[in-house]
Amino acid sequence: MKRKKRFFAVSVMAFLIVSMFLSTNVLAEEITIKGEVNDNYQIVTEDGQIYEVAGNDKGDEMVLNNVGKIVTITGTIEESDEGNKIVTVISYEVEDVEDVE
């Protein structure tokens, strides 16, 4: 009987530890934002909100190929210790720019 209790306790502790490591990914919610890409690895929205772009394959591709362009991105947001919003890009689309005359 003691062996079953010990196994149960170890199982619960292992589950809690794994849950802590995965909680940030599980709790991260996908959002969509639209803004201009700048060469500081940032997206600036129309209302002036600045999002730092996290360095992953999609984020690097988006920034390096689209500086000065308007993009709509889907990603997850985290906040740094300094209060900066950091977006991890999952996907993105470059907006078509129509000449307005």
Protein backbone atom coordinates (compact mmCIF):
# COMPACT_ATOMS: atom_id res chain seq x y z
CA MET A 1 0.00 0.00 0.00
CA LYS A 2 2.85 2.40 0.81
CA ARG A 3 4.32 1.68 -2.59
CA LYS A 4 1.10 2.79 -4.35
CA LYS A 5 0.96 6.03 -2.35
CA ARG A 6 4.59 6.79 -3.11
CA PHE A 7 4.08 6.08 -6.82
CA PHE A 8 1.01 8.34 -6.85
CA ALA A 9 2.89 11.16 -5.10
CA VAL A 10 5.84 10.92 -7.50
CA SER A 11 3.46 10.86 -10.48
CA VAL A 12 1.65 13.99 -9.30
CA MET A 13 4.92 15.82 -8.68
CA ALA A 14 6.25 14.86 -12.12
CA PHE A 15 3.01 16.08 -13.74
CA LEU A 16 3.22 19.42 -11.91
CA ILE A 17 6.84 19.96 -12.93
CA VAL A 18 6.12 19.19 -16.59
CA SER A 19 3.06 21.46 -16.47
CA MET A 20 5.15 24.37 -15.20
CA PHE A 21 7.57 24.05 -18.12
CA LEU A 22 4.78 23.84 -20.68
CA SER A 23 2.44 26.43 -19.16
CA THR A 24 3.77 29.41 -21.12
CA ASN A 25 3.14 27.66 -24.44
CA VAL A 26 -0.23 26.34 -23.38
CA LEU A 27 -1.41 29.71 -22.07
CA ALA A 28 -0.11 31.71 -25.03
CA GLU A 29 -3.02 32.88 -27.16
CA GLU A 30 -2.72 33.49 -30.87
CA ILE A 31 -3.50 37.03 -31.96
CA THR A 32 -3.46 38.93 -35.25
CA ILE A 33 -1.87 42.36 -35.59
CA LYS A 34 -1.30 44.65 -38.56
CA GLY A 35 1.51 47.14 -38.82
CA GLU A 36 4.64 48.35 -40.57
CA VAL A 37 7.88 46.37 -40.35
CA ASN A 38 10.95 48.43 -39.47
CA ASP A 39 14.64 47.56 -39.51
CA ASN A 40 14.80 47.39 -35.71
CA TYR A 41 12.97 44.02 -35.72
CA GLN A 42 9.69 45.72 -34.78
CA ILE A 43 6.11 45.98 -35.98
CA VAL A 44 4.51 49.40 -35.46
CA THR A 45 0.71 49.44 -35.60
CA GLU A 46 -1.45 52.36 -36.77
CA ASP A 47 -2.11 53.39 -33.16
CA GLY A 48 1.64 53.51 -32.43
CA GLN A 49 1.91 50.24 -30.46
CA ILE A 50 5.35 48.70 -30.94
CA TYR A 51 5.88 44.95 -30.95
CA GLU A 52 9.38 43.51 -30.86
CA VAL A 53 9.70 40.56 -33.27
CA ALA A 54 11.10 37.41 -31.65
CA GLY A 55 13.95 35.80 -33.54
CA ASN A 56 12.54 32.63 -35.05
CA ASP A 57 12.55 31.42 -38.67
CA LYS A 58 9.23 33.08 -39.61
CA GLY A 59 10.03 36.30 -37.76
CA ASP A 60 13.47 36.58 -39.35
CA GLU A 61 12.03 35.91 -42.82
CA MET A 62 9.26 38.46 -42.32
CA VAL A 63 11.55 41.25 -41.13
CA LEU A 64 14.41 40.68 -43.57
CA ASN A 65 12.12 40.60 -46.63
CA ASN A 66 9.56 43.27 -45.71
CA VAL A 67 11.15 46.33 -44.08
CA GLY A 68 8.90 49.33 -44.75
CA LYS A 69 5.93 47.18 -45.76
CA ILE A 70 2.59 46.67 -44.01
CA VAL A 71 2.05 43.11 -42.82
CA THR A 72 -0.66 41.24 -41.00
CA ILE A 73 0.83 38.66 -38.66
CA THR A 74 -0.55 35.87 -36.56
CA GLY A 75 1.50 35.06 -33.51
CA THR A 76 1.75 34.88 -29.76
CA ILE A 77 2.56 37.80 -27.47
CA GLU A 78 4.75 37.83 -24.39
CA GLU A 79 5.77 40.76 -22.25
CA SER A 80 9.41 41.27 -21.28
CA ASP A 81 10.55 42.27 -17.81
CA GLU A 82 10.95 45.82 -19.15
CA GLY A 83 7.33 45.87 -20.34
CA ASN A 84 8.05 45.46 -24.06
CA LYS A 85 5.60 43.37 -26.08
CA ILE A 86 7.33 40.58 -27.98
CA VAL A 87 5.52 38.79 -30.80
CA THR A 88 6.52 35.34 -31.99
CA VAL A 89 5.44 35.14 -35.62
CA ILE A 90 3.53 32.02 -36.64
CA SER A 91 2.43 33.28 -40.05
CA TYR A 92 2.22 36.56 -41.93
CA GLU A 93 0.84 38.18 -45.07
CA VAL A 94 2.20 41.25 -46.83
CA GLU A 95 -0.54 43.78 -47.57
CA ASP A 96 -0.99 44.95 -51.15
CA VAL A 97 -0.26 48.64 -51.50
CA GLU A 98 -2.55 50.35 -53.98
CA ASP A 99 -1.61 53.67 -55.52
CA VAL A 100 -4.08 56.30 -54.37
CA GLU A 101 -4.23 59.32 -56.68
